[in-house]
Amino acid sequence: MFDYFANPSRFMRIANRLLLPLVILSRIEADDRTFSYRITDTVSVTQNDVRAIQLAKAALYAGFRLLMDKINIREVDRVVLAGAFGTHIDPKYAMVLGMIPDCLLANVRAAGNSAGAGARMALLNQAARRDIEAVVRQIEKIETAVEASFQDHFVKAMAIPHKSDPYANLAAAVDLPVRILTDEDAPALASGRRRGGRRR
């Protein structure tokens, strides 16, 4: 996709060949050497915006996968999103972007300001403070910079929602583009799930 942005005339030829509706084509505007998509008269999405989202969400997903690898699980039952970010993002769109691993959308929830809540508990409740201290001693720190698999997870997560994760639960709720998934591209399929073929 981004190769086309580097060659504006080629991008427009391909866009015209795809027979994109005129209303969509009219919103694609030249932006220096790339293009932007005009949403309103004052709001546009640029290539840099898309790249920033890709980098951020790929890092989040890769972090999830490292934790999953550490405890040897292939999927999660639920996802809890903490902080203001978790409070203000729709779980469906977080999953559509591939920020979080696939699970039932109903099992993705926001925890709100969990850091603030934990601080209040530690200040006001001695029993809770002891529990927190015990849990902290059990925490294992994972350095993404030295984890060999982080880069692989990160690169695959740059695709939206993901290069190789089938996102079966999401696909049941949202129409996803058809992708060709092979064992080479999709190690997630190698653990007994259907291999290869067209998946939504």
N, C-alpha and C. Protein backbone atom coordinates (compact mmCIF):
# COMPACT_ATOMS: atom_id res chain seq x y z
N MET A 1 0.82 -1.20 0.00
CA MET A 1 0.00 0.00 0.00
C MET A 1 0.86 1.26 0.00
N PHE A 2 1.87 1.30 0.84
CA PHE A 2 2.64 2.52 0.98
C PHE A 2 3.55 2.79 -0.21
N ASP A 3 3.86 1.75 -1.01
CA ASP A 3 4.62 1.99 -2.23
C ASP A 3 3.83 2.90 -3.16
N TYR A 4 2.50 2.75 -3.16
CA TYR A 4 1.67 3.55 -4.04
C TYR A 4 1.72 5.02 -3.65
N PHE A 5 1.83 5.29 -2.34
CA PHE A 5 1.88 6.67 -1.90
C PHE A 5 3.13 7.37 -2.42
N ALA A 6 4.21 6.61 -2.62
CA ALA A 6 5.45 7.19 -3.11
C ALA A 6 5.36 7.51 -4.60
N ASN A 7 4.35 6.98 -5.27
CA ASN A 7 4.19 7.21 -6.70
C ASN A 7 2.75 7.65 -6.96
N PRO A 8 2.44 8.94 -6.79
CA PRO A 8 1.06 9.42 -6.87
C PRO A 8 0.32 9.03 -8.13
N SER A 9 0.97 9.15 -9.29
CA SER A 9 0.25 8.83 -10.52
C SER A 9 -0.12 7.36 -10.58
N ARG A 10 0.80 6.49 -10.10
CA ARG A 10 0.50 5.06 -10.07
C ARG A 10 -0.66 4.77 -9.11
N PHE A 11 -0.64 5.47 -7.97
CA PHE A 11 -1.72 5.27 -6.99
C PHE A 11 -3.07 5.61 -7.61
N MET A 12 -3.16 6.74 -8.30
CA MET A 12 -4.44 7.14 -8.88
C MET A 12 -4.87 6.20 -10.00
N ARG A 13 -3.91 5.67 -10.79
CA ARG A 13 -4.28 4.70 -11.83
C ARG A 13 -4.89 3.46 -11.20
N ILE A 14 -4.27 2.98 -10.12
CA ILE A 14 -4.79 1.78 -9.45
C ILE A 14 -6.14 2.08 -8.82
N ALA A 15 -6.28 3.24 -8.19
CA ALA A 15 -7.56 3.61 -7.57
C ALA A 15 -8.67 3.65 -8.62
N ASN A 16 -8.37 4.20 -9.80
CA ASN A 16 -9.37 4.26 -10.87
C ASN A 16 -9.72 2.86 -11.38
N ARG A 17 -8.69 1.99 -11.47
CA ARG A 17 -8.94 0.61 -11.93
C ARG A 17 -9.83 -0.15 -10.96
N LEU A 18 -9.71 0.17 -9.66
CA LEU A 18 -10.52 -0.51 -8.65
C LEU A 18 -11.96 -0.03 -8.67
N LEU A 19 -12.23 0.96 -9.49
CA LEU A 19 -13.57 1.52 -9.62
C LEU A 19 -14.11 1.99 -8.27
N LEU A 20 -13.26 2.67 -7.51
CA LEU A 20 -13.71 3.23 -6.25
C LEU A 20 -14.81 4.23 -6.52
N PRO A 21 -15.82 4.29 -5.67
CA PRO A 21 -16.90 5.27 -5.88
C PRO A 21 -16.34 6.69 -5.99
N LEU A 22 -16.98 7.50 -6.81
CA LEU A 22 -16.51 8.86 -7.05
C LEU A 22 -16.41 9.66 -5.76
N VAL A 23 -17.33 9.41 -4.83
CA VAL A 23 -17.30 10.16 -3.57
C VAL A 23 -16.02 9.86 -2.78
N ILE A 24 -15.51 8.62 -2.89
CA ILE A 24 -14.26 8.27 -2.21
C ILE A 24 -13.08 8.89 -2.96
N LEU A 25 -13.06 8.74 -4.28
CA LEU A 25 -11.96 9.31 -5.07
C LEU A 25 -11.86 10.82 -4.89
N SER A 26 -12.99 11.48 -4.74
CA SER A 26 -12.97 12.94 -4.60
C SER A 26 -12.38 13.38 -3.27
N ARG A 27 -12.30 12.46 -2.32
CA ARG A 27 -11.74 12.80 -1.00
C ARG A 27 -10.25 12.47 -0.91
N ILE A 28 -9.69 11.79 -1.90
CA ILE A 28 -8.25 11.50 -1.91
C ILE A 28 -7.53 12.69 -2.52
N GLU A 29 -6.66 13.30 -1.74
CA GLU A 29 -6.01 14.53 -2.17
C GLU A 29 -4.49 14.40 -2.12
N ALA A 30 -3.83 14.98 -3.10
CA ALA A 30 -2.36 14.99 -3.10
C ALA A 30 -1.87 15.76 -1.89
N ASP A 31 -0.85 15.21 -1.24
CA ASP A 31 -0.29 15.82 -0.04
C ASP A 31 1.23 15.71 -0.14
N ASP A 32 1.84 16.69 -0.79
CA ASP A 32 3.27 16.66 -1.08
C ASP A 32 3.55 15.43 -1.95
N ARG A 33 4.37 14.48 -1.47
CA ARG A 33 4.70 13.29 -2.28
C ARG A 33 3.77 12.12 -2.00
N THR A 34 2.79 12.30 -1.11
CA THR A 34 1.88 11.22 -0.78
C THR A 34 0.45 11.70 -0.98
N PHE A 35 -0.49 11.04 -0.32
CA PHE A 35 -1.90 11.42 -0.40
C PHE A 35 -2.48 11.50 1.01
N SER A 36 -3.57 12.23 1.11
CA SER A 36 -4.34 12.23 2.34
C SER A 36 -5.80 11.96 1.97
N TYR A 37 -6.57 11.54 2.97
CA TYR A 37 -7.99 11.27 2.75
C TYR A 37 -8.78 12.29 3.57
N ARG A 38 -9.56 13.11 2.89
CA ARG A 38 -10.32 14.17 3.56
C ARG A 38 -11.61 13.60 4.13
N ILE A 39 -11.77 13.71 5.45
CA ILE A 39 -12.98 13.23 6.12
C ILE A 39 -14.02 14.34 6.16
N THR A 40 -13.59 15.53 6.58
CA THR A 40 -14.44 16.72 6.56
C THR A 40 -13.61 17.86 5.98
N ASP A 41 -14.17 19.05 5.96
CA ASP A 41 -13.43 20.20 5.44
C ASP A 41 -12.22 20.53 6.29
N THR A 42 -12.23 20.13 7.55
CA THR A 42 -11.13 20.49 8.45
C THR A 42 -10.34 19.29 8.97
N VAL A 43 -10.78 18.07 8.63
CA VAL A 43 -10.11 16.86 9.14
C VAL A 43 -9.70 15.96 7.98
N SER A 44 -8.41 15.61 7.95
CA SER A 44 -7.89 14.68 6.94
C SER A 44 -7.01 13.64 7.62
N VAL A 45 -6.94 12.46 7.01
CA VAL A 45 -6.05 11.41 7.49
C VAL A 45 -4.90 11.30 6.51
N THR A 46 -3.67 11.40 7.02
CA THR A 46 -2.50 11.35 6.16
C THR A 46 -1.82 9.99 6.26
N GLN A 47 -0.86 9.77 5.36
CA GLN A 47 -0.08 8.54 5.42
C GLN A 47 0.64 8.44 6.75
N ASN A 48 1.16 9.56 7.26
CA ASN A 48 1.85 9.55 8.54
C ASN A 48 0.92 9.17 9.68
N ASP A 49 -0.35 9.59 9.60
CA ASP A 49 -1.33 9.20 10.62
C ASP A 49 -1.51 7.69 10.63
N VAL A 50 -1.67 7.11 9.43
CA VAL A 50 -1.87 5.67 9.32
C VAL A 50 -0.64 4.93 9.84
N ARG A 51 0.55 5.40 9.48
CA ARG A 51 1.78 4.75 9.93
C ARG A 51 1.92 4.82 11.45
N ALA A 52 1.55 5.96 12.05
CA ALA A 52 1.62 6.10 13.50
C ALA A 52 0.70 5.11 14.20
N ILE A 53 -0.50 4.93 13.65
CA ILE A 53 -1.43 3.95 14.22
C ILE A 53 -0.86 2.54 14.08
N GLN A 54 -0.31 2.24 12.91
CA GLN A 54 0.28 0.91 12.70
C GLN A 54 1.38 0.61 13.72
N LEU A 55 2.28 1.57 13.91
CA LEU A 55 3.41 1.35 14.83
C LEU A 55 2.93 1.17 16.26
N ALA A 56 1.97 1.99 16.68
CA ALA A 56 1.48 1.91 18.06
C ALA A 56 0.73 0.61 18.31
N LYS A 57 -0.15 0.26 17.39
CA LYS A 57 -0.96 -0.93 17.63
C LYS A 57 -0.14 -2.21 17.47
N ALA A 58 0.88 -2.19 16.59
CA ALA A 58 1.75 -3.36 16.44
C ALA A 58 2.55 -3.60 17.71
N ALA A 59 3.00 -2.52 18.36
CA ALA A 59 3.74 -2.66 19.62
C ALA A 59 2.84 -3.23 20.71
N LEU A 60 1.60 -2.75 20.78
CA LEU A 60 0.66 -3.28 21.78
C LEU A 60 0.40 -4.77 21.56
N TYR A 61 0.09 -5.12 20.32
CA TYR A 61 -0.20 -6.52 20.02
C TYR A 61 1.01 -7.41 20.29
N ALA A 62 2.19 -6.96 19.87
CA ALA A 62 3.41 -7.75 20.10
C ALA A 62 3.66 -7.95 21.59
N GLY A 63 3.35 -6.93 22.39
CA GLY A 63 3.48 -7.08 23.84
C GLY A 63 2.53 -8.13 24.39
N PHE A 64 1.29 -8.10 23.92
CA PHE A 64 0.33 -9.14 24.30
C PHE A 64 0.88 -10.53 23.96
N ARG A 65 1.37 -10.67 22.72
CA ARG A 65 1.83 -11.99 22.27
C ARG A 65 3.04 -12.47 23.05
N LEU A 66 3.93 -11.56 23.43
CA LEU A 66 5.07 -11.97 24.26
C LEU A 66 4.60 -12.54 25.59
N LEU A 67 3.63 -11.86 26.21
CA LEU A 67 3.09 -12.36 27.47
C LEU A 67 2.41 -13.72 27.27
N MET A 68 1.68 -13.86 26.18
CA MET A 68 1.01 -15.13 25.88
C MET A 68 2.03 -16.24 25.66
N ASP A 69 3.13 -15.91 24.95
CA ASP A 69 4.19 -16.89 24.72
C ASP A 69 4.82 -17.34 26.04
N LYS A 70 4.99 -16.38 26.95
CA LYS A 70 5.65 -16.68 28.23
C LYS A 70 4.86 -17.69 29.06
N ILE A 71 3.53 -17.62 28.97
CA ILE A 71 2.72 -18.57 29.75
C ILE A 71 2.15 -19.68 28.85
N ASN A 72 2.67 -19.73 27.61
CA ASN A 72 2.37 -20.83 26.69
C ASN A 72 0.87 -20.98 26.40
N ILE A 73 0.24 -19.87 26.02
CA ILE A 73 -1.16 -19.94 25.59
C ILE A 73 -1.27 -19.39 24.17
N ARG A 74 -2.26 -19.87 23.41
CA ARG A 74 -2.45 -19.44 22.03
C ARG A 74 -3.55 -18.39 21.90
N GLU A 75 -4.47 -18.33 22.86
CA GLU A 75 -5.57 -17.37 22.78
C GLU A 75 -5.96 -16.93 24.18
N VAL A 76 -6.68 -15.81 24.25
CA VAL A 76 -7.13 -15.29 25.54
C VAL A 76 -8.65 -15.34 25.61
N ASP A 77 -9.16 -15.45 26.84
CA ASP A 77 -10.61 -15.48 27.04
C ASP A 77 -11.19 -14.08 27.18
N ARG A 78 -10.39 -13.16 27.74
CA ARG A 78 -10.88 -11.80 27.93
C ARG A 78 -9.72 -10.82 27.92
N VAL A 79 -10.05 -9.56 27.64
CA VAL A 79 -9.05 -8.49 27.62
C VAL A 79 -9.59 -7.33 28.45
N VAL A 80 -8.75 -6.82 29.36
CA VAL A 80 -9.12 -5.67 30.18
C VAL A 80 -8.21 -4.51 29.79
N LEU A 81 -8.79 -3.41 29.35
CA LEU A 81 -8.05 -2.23 28.92
C LEU A 81 -8.07 -1.20 30.03
N ALA A 82 -6.89 -0.81 30.51
CA ALA A 82 -6.81 0.12 31.64
C ALA A 82 -6.52 1.54 31.17
N GLY A 83 -6.79 2.50 32.04
CA GLY A 83 -6.46 3.89 31.79
C GLY A 83 -7.46 4.60 30.89
N ALA A 84 -7.15 5.85 30.58
CA ALA A 84 -8.04 6.65 29.74
C ALA A 84 -8.19 6.05 28.36
N PHE A 85 -7.10 5.46 27.84
CA PHE A 85 -7.15 4.82 26.52
C PHE A 85 -8.23 3.74 26.48
N GLY A 86 -8.21 2.86 27.47
CA GLY A 86 -9.18 1.77 27.52
C GLY A 86 -10.59 2.25 27.71
N THR A 87 -10.74 3.39 28.39
CA THR A 87 -12.08 3.92 28.66
C THR A 87 -12.71 4.52 27.41
N HIS A 88 -11.88 5.08 26.53
CA HIS A 88 -12.42 5.83 25.41
C HIS A 88 -12.37 5.13 24.06
N ILE A 89 -11.79 3.95 23.99
CA ILE A 89 -11.77 3.25 22.69
C ILE A 89 -12.84 2.16 22.68
N ASP A 90 -13.53 2.04 21.57
CA ASP A 90 -14.53 1.00 21.40
C ASP A 90 -13.80 -0.33 21.22
N PRO A 91 -14.16 -1.36 22.02
CA PRO A 91 -13.46 -2.65 21.92
C PRO A 91 -13.45 -3.23 20.50
N LYS A 92 -14.56 -3.03 19.78
CA LYS A 92 -14.62 -3.58 18.42
C LYS A 92 -13.56 -2.95 17.53
N TYR A 93 -13.38 -1.63 17.64
CA TYR A 93 -12.41 -0.96 16.79
C TYR A 93 -10.98 -1.23 17.23
N ALA A 94 -10.79 -1.43 18.53
CA ALA A 94 -9.45 -1.84 19.01
C ALA A 94 -9.07 -3.18 18.39
N MET A 95 -10.06 -4.07 18.27
CA MET A 95 -9.78 -5.38 17.69
C MET A 95 -9.69 -5.32 16.17
N VAL A 96 -10.52 -4.50 15.54
CA VAL A 96 -10.45 -4.35 14.08
C VAL A 96 -9.07 -3.84 13.67
N LEU A 97 -8.52 -2.91 14.45
CA LEU A 97 -7.18 -2.40 14.16
C LEU A 97 -6.10 -3.42 14.48
N GLY A 98 -6.44 -4.43 15.30
CA GLY A 98 -5.44 -5.42 15.68
C GLY A 98 -4.60 -4.98 16.86
N MET A 99 -5.13 -4.10 17.70
CA MET A 99 -4.39 -3.67 18.89
C MET A 99 -4.33 -4.75 19.96
N ILE A 100 -5.37 -5.56 20.01
CA ILE A 100 -5.49 -6.57 21.06
C ILE A 100 -5.73 -7.93 20.43
N PRO A 101 -5.42 -9.00 21.15
CA PRO A 101 -5.65 -10.34 20.59
C PRO A 101 -7.13 -10.62 20.41
N ASP A 102 -7.43 -11.57 19.57
CA ASP A 102 -8.81 -11.95 19.29
C ASP A 102 -9.45 -12.62 20.50
N CYS A 103 -10.66 -12.23 20.83
CA CYS A 103 -11.50 -12.93 21.80
C CYS A 103 -12.92 -12.45 21.55
N LEU A 104 -13.89 -12.96 22.29
CA LEU A 104 -15.26 -12.48 22.12
C LEU A 104 -15.32 -11.00 22.46
N LEU A 105 -15.96 -10.21 21.62
CA LEU A 105 -16.04 -8.77 21.86
C LEU A 105 -16.69 -8.46 23.20
N ALA A 106 -17.63 -9.28 23.61
CA ALA A 106 -18.30 -9.07 24.90
C ALA A 106 -17.34 -9.21 26.07
N ASN A 107 -16.20 -9.87 25.83
CA ASN A 107 -15.23 -10.11 26.90
C ASN A 107 -14.09 -9.09 26.92
N VAL A 108 -14.25 -8.00 26.16
CA VAL A 108 -13.28 -6.90 26.20
C VAL A 108 -13.93 -5.77 26.98
N ARG A 109 -13.29 -5.33 28.07
CA ARG A 109 -13.89 -4.27 28.88
C ARG A 109 -12.83 -3.27 29.34
N ALA A 110 -13.30 -2.11 29.74
CA ALA A 110 -12.42 -1.06 30.25
C ALA A 110 -12.39 -1.12 31.77
N ALA A 111 -11.20 -0.92 32.34
CA ALA A 111 -11.04 -0.93 33.80
C ALA A 111 -10.97 0.48 34.37
N GLY A 112 -10.96 1.49 33.51
CA GLY A 112 -10.87 2.86 34.01
C GLY A 112 -9.48 3.18 34.54
N ASN A 113 -9.42 4.08 35.49
CA ASN A 113 -8.14 4.53 36.06
C ASN A 113 -7.68 3.52 37.11
N SER A 114 -7.18 2.38 36.66
CA SER A 114 -6.79 1.32 37.59
C SER A 114 -5.56 1.70 38.41
N ALA A 115 -4.65 2.51 37.87
CA ALA A 115 -3.47 2.95 38.63
C ALA A 115 -3.91 3.82 39.80
N GLY A 116 -4.82 4.75 39.55
CA GLY A 116 -5.34 5.61 40.62
C GLY A 116 -6.09 4.81 41.66
N ALA A 117 -6.89 3.84 41.20
CA ALA A 117 -7.64 3.01 42.15
C ALA A 117 -6.69 2.19 43.01
N GLY A 118 -5.65 1.66 42.41
CA GLY A 118 -4.65 0.89 43.17
C GLY A 118 -3.92 1.75 44.18
N ALA A 119 -3.59 2.98 43.80
CA ALA A 119 -2.91 3.90 44.73
C ALA A 119 -3.80 4.22 45.92
N ARG A 120 -5.10 4.45 45.68
CA ARG A 120 -6.02 4.73 46.79
C ARG A 120 -6.12 3.53 47.72
N MET A 121 -6.20 2.32 47.12
CA MET A 121 -6.26 1.10 47.95
C MET A 121 -5.03 0.97 48.84
N ALA A 122 -3.86 1.21 48.25
CA ALA A 122 -2.61 1.08 49.01
C ALA A 122 -2.52 2.10 50.13
N LEU A 123 -3.07 3.30 49.91
CA LEU A 123 -3.00 4.36 50.92
C LEU A 123 -4.01 4.16 52.05
N LEU A 124 -5.17 3.62 51.72
CA LEU A 124 -6.27 3.59 52.68
C LEU A 124 -6.53 2.23 53.32
N ASN A 125 -5.92 1.17 52.77
CA ASN A 125 -6.24 -0.17 53.27
C ASN A 125 -4.95 -0.96 53.47
N GLN A 126 -4.60 -1.22 54.74
CA GLN A 126 -3.33 -1.92 55.02
C GLN A 126 -3.34 -3.35 54.50
N ALA A 127 -4.48 -4.02 54.58
CA ALA A 127 -4.56 -5.40 54.07
C ALA A 127 -4.34 -5.42 52.56
N ALA A 128 -4.95 -4.45 51.87
CA ALA A 128 -4.76 -4.36 50.42
C ALA A 128 -3.30 -4.05 50.10
N ARG A 129 -2.65 -3.23 50.93
CA ARG A 129 -1.24 -2.90 50.73
C ARG A 129 -0.38 -4.15 50.81
N ARG A 130 -0.68 -5.01 51.78
CA ARG A 130 0.10 -6.25 51.90
C ARG A 130 -0.12 -7.15 50.68
N ASP A 131 -1.37 -7.21 50.21
CA ASP A 131 -1.66 -8.01 49.00
C ASP A 131 -0.90 -7.47 47.80
N ILE A 132 -0.90 -6.15 47.66
CA ILE A 132 -0.19 -5.52 46.53
C ILE A 132 1.30 -5.82 46.60
N GLU A 133 1.88 -5.72 47.80
CA GLU A 133 3.31 -5.99 47.97
C GLU A 133 3.64 -7.44 47.61
N ALA A 134 2.74 -8.37 47.97
CA ALA A 134 2.96 -9.78 47.65
C ALA A 134 2.91 -10.02 46.14
N VAL A 135 1.96 -9.37 45.48
CA VAL A 135 1.82 -9.53 44.02
C VAL A 135 3.04 -8.93 43.31
N VAL A 136 3.48 -7.76 43.76
CA VAL A 136 4.63 -7.10 43.13
C VAL A 136 5.86 -7.98 43.16
N ARG A 137 6.05 -8.74 44.24
CA ARG A 137 7.23 -9.63 44.35
C ARG A 137 7.19 -10.76 43.33
N GLN A 138 6.00 -11.05 42.79
CA GLN A 138 5.87 -12.16 41.84
C GLN A 138 5.97 -11.70 40.39
N ILE A 139 6.06 -10.41 40.18
CA ILE A 139 6.08 -9.88 38.81
C ILE A 139 7.39 -10.25 38.12
N GLU A 140 7.26 -10.77 36.89
CA GLU A 140 8.43 -11.06 36.06
C GLU A 140 8.52 -10.01 34.97
N LYS A 141 9.63 -9.31 34.92
CA LYS A 141 9.82 -8.25 33.94
C LYS A 141 10.26 -8.85 32.61
N ILE A 142 9.63 -8.41 31.53
CA ILE A 142 9.98 -8.88 30.19
C ILE A 142 10.48 -7.69 29.38
N GLU A 143 11.71 -7.76 28.92
CA GLU A 143 12.30 -6.70 28.11
C GLU A 143 12.06 -6.99 26.64
N THR A 144 11.22 -6.20 26.01
CA THR A 144 10.89 -6.46 24.60
C THR A 144 12.13 -6.35 23.71
N ALA A 145 13.06 -5.47 24.09
CA ALA A 145 14.24 -5.23 23.25
C ALA A 145 15.13 -6.47 23.12
N VAL A 146 15.08 -7.36 24.10
CA VAL A 146 15.96 -8.53 24.05
C VAL A 146 15.20 -9.82 23.73
N GLU A 147 13.90 -9.71 23.50
CA GLU A 147 13.10 -10.89 23.17
C GLU A 147 13.18 -11.15 21.66
N ALA A 148 13.68 -12.32 21.30
CA ALA A 148 13.91 -12.63 19.88
C ALA A 148 12.61 -12.60 19.08
N SER A 149 11.50 -12.98 19.69
CA SER A 149 10.24 -13.09 18.93
C SER A 149 9.49 -11.76 18.81
N PHE A 150 9.93 -10.74 19.55
CA PHE A 150 9.18 -9.48 19.52
C PHE A 150 9.12 -8.89 18.11
N GLN A 151 10.23 -8.86 17.41
CA GLN A 151 10.26 -8.26 16.07
C GLN A 151 9.33 -9.00 15.12
N ASP A 152 9.32 -10.33 15.21
CA ASP A 152 8.43 -11.12 14.34
C ASP A 152 6.97 -10.79 14.63
N HIS A 153 6.60 -10.76 15.93
CA HIS A 153 5.23 -10.40 16.30
C HIS A 153 4.91 -8.99 15.83
N PHE A 154 5.85 -8.07 15.99
CA PHE A 154 5.64 -6.66 15.65
C PHE A 154 5.40 -6.49 14.15
N VAL A 155 6.23 -7.12 13.33
CA VAL A 155 6.11 -6.97 11.87
C VAL A 155 4.77 -7.53 11.39
N LYS A 156 4.38 -8.69 11.89
CA LYS A 156 3.11 -9.28 11.46
C LYS A 156 1.92 -8.45 11.93
N ALA A 157 2.08 -7.76 13.06
CA ALA A 157 0.99 -6.95 13.59
C ALA A 157 0.86 -5.61 12.88
N MET A 158 1.77 -5.28 11.98
CA MET A 158 1.65 -4.03 11.22
C MET A 158 0.47 -4.06 10.26
N ALA A 159 0.07 -5.25 9.83
CA ALA A 159 -1.10 -5.39 8.97
C ALA A 159 -2.36 -5.17 9.81
N ILE A 160 -3.44 -4.78 9.18
CA ILE A 160 -4.69 -4.53 9.89
C ILE A 160 -5.73 -5.56 9.46
N PRO A 161 -6.30 -6.38 10.37
CA PRO A 161 -5.93 -6.39 11.77
C PRO A 161 -4.60 -7.10 12.06
N HIS A 162 -4.22 -8.08 11.23
CA HIS A 162 -2.98 -8.82 11.48
C HIS A 162 -2.64 -9.62 10.23
N LYS A 163 -1.35 -9.83 9.99
CA LYS A 163 -0.94 -10.57 8.79
C LYS A 163 -1.37 -12.02 8.84
N SER A 164 -1.30 -12.65 10.03
CA SER A 164 -1.53 -14.09 10.05
C SER A 164 -2.52 -14.58 11.10
N ASP A 165 -2.85 -13.78 12.09
CA ASP A 165 -3.82 -14.22 13.09
C ASP A 165 -5.21 -14.20 12.45
N PRO A 166 -5.93 -15.33 12.49
CA PRO A 166 -7.23 -15.39 11.79
C PRO A 166 -8.31 -14.48 12.37
N TYR A 167 -8.21 -14.12 13.65
CA TYR A 167 -9.23 -13.29 14.30
C TYR A 167 -10.63 -13.88 14.04
N ALA A 168 -10.80 -15.14 14.42
CA ALA A 168 -12.05 -15.84 14.15
C ALA A 168 -13.24 -15.23 14.89
N ASN A 169 -13.05 -14.84 16.14
CA ASN A 169 -14.15 -14.23 16.89
C ASN A 169 -14.56 -12.91 16.28
N LEU A 170 -13.59 -12.11 15.89
CA LEU A 170 -13.88 -10.83 15.25
C LEU A 170 -14.57 -11.04 13.91
N ALA A 171 -14.10 -12.03 13.15
CA ALA A 171 -14.67 -12.32 11.83
C ALA A 171 -16.13 -12.73 11.93
N ALA A 172 -16.52 -13.28 13.08
CA ALA A 172 -17.92 -13.66 13.28
C ALA A 172 -18.81 -12.44 13.50
N ALA A 173 -18.20 -11.32 13.91
CA ALA A 173 -18.96 -10.11 14.21
C ALA A 173 -18.80 -9.02 13.16
N VAL A 174 -17.69 -9.06 12.40
CA VAL A 174 -17.37 -8.00 11.44
C VAL A 174 -16.87 -8.64 10.15
N ASP A 175 -17.24 -8.08 9.00
CA ASP A 175 -16.71 -8.57 7.73
C ASP A 175 -15.25 -8.15 7.60
N LEU A 176 -14.36 -9.13 7.51
CA LEU A 176 -12.94 -8.85 7.33
C LEU A 176 -12.53 -9.18 5.90
N PRO A 177 -11.48 -8.54 5.39
CA PRO A 177 -11.01 -8.88 4.05
C PRO A 177 -10.55 -10.33 4.00
N VAL A 178 -10.73 -10.97 2.84
CA VAL A 178 -10.27 -12.33 2.67
C VAL A 178 -8.75 -12.33 2.62
N ARG A 179 -8.12 -13.23 3.37
CA ARG A 179 -6.66 -13.33 3.37
C ARG A 179 -6.27 -14.78 3.12
N ILE A 180 -5.13 -14.99 2.47
CA ILE A 180 -4.58 -16.32 2.31
C ILE A 180 -3.64 -16.56 3.49
N LEU A 181 -3.96 -17.53 4.32
CA LEU A 181 -3.14 -17.83 5.49
C LEU A 181 -2.48 -19.18 5.30
N THR A 182 -1.15 -19.20 5.38
CA THR A 182 -0.40 -20.45 5.26
C THR A 182 0.34 -20.71 6.56
N ASP A 183 0.87 -21.93 6.73
CA ASP A 183 1.63 -22.24 7.93
C ASP A 183 2.84 -21.33 8.07
N GLU A 184 3.44 -20.98 6.93
CA GLU A 184 4.63 -20.13 6.98
C GLU A 184 4.27 -18.74 7.49
N ASP A 185 3.13 -18.20 7.00
CA ASP A 185 2.71 -16.87 7.41
C ASP A 185 1.91 -16.88 8.70
N ALA A 186 1.37 -18.00 9.06
CA ALA A 186 0.45 -18.06 10.19
C ALA A 186 0.79 -19.18 11.15
N PRO A 187 1.85 -19.01 11.96
CA PRO A 187 2.18 -20.03 12.94
C PRO A 187 1.06 -20.25 13.95
N ALA A 188 0.17 -19.26 14.09
CA ALA A 188 -0.95 -19.42 15.02
C ALA A 188 -1.87 -20.55 14.58
N LEU A 189 -1.84 -20.90 13.29
CA LEU A 189 -2.71 -21.96 12.80
C LEU A 189 -2.13 -23.35 13.03
N ALA A 190 -0.87 -23.42 13.37
CA ALA A 190 -0.18 -24.71 13.44
C ALA A 190 -0.54 -25.52 14.67
N SER A 191 -1.30 -24.93 15.59
CA SER A 191 -1.60 -25.64 16.83
C SER A 191 -2.95 -26.33 16.77
N GLY A 192 -3.26 -26.96 15.64
CA GLY A 192 -4.45 -27.78 15.56
C GLY A 192 -5.62 -27.12 14.84
N ARG A 193 -5.56 -25.82 14.62
CA ARG A 193 -6.63 -25.18 13.87
C ARG A 193 -6.43 -25.41 12.40
N ARG A 194 -7.47 -25.15 11.60
CA ARG A 194 -7.40 -25.38 10.17
C ARG A 194 -6.23 -24.62 9.56
N ARG A 195 -5.49 -25.27 8.68
CA ARG A 195 -4.30 -24.66 8.09
C ARG A 195 -4.60 -24.17 6.69
N GLY A 196 -3.98 -23.00 6.38
CA GLY A 196 -4.06 -22.49 5.02
C GLY A 196 -5.46 -22.14 4.58
N GLY A 197 -5.63 -21.97 3.27
CA GLY A 197 -6.93 -21.70 2.70
C GLY A 197 -7.37 -20.27 2.90
N ARG A 198 -8.56 -19.98 2.37
CA ARG A 198 -9.08 -18.63 2.49
C ARG A 198 -9.84 -18.52 3.81
N ARG A 199 -9.52 -17.48 4.53
CA ARG A 199 -10.17 -17.24 5.81
C ARG A 199 -10.69 -15.81 5.84
N ARG A 200 -11.76 -15.62 6.54
CA ARG A 200 -12.28 -14.25 6.75
C ARG A 200 -11.88 -13.79 8.12
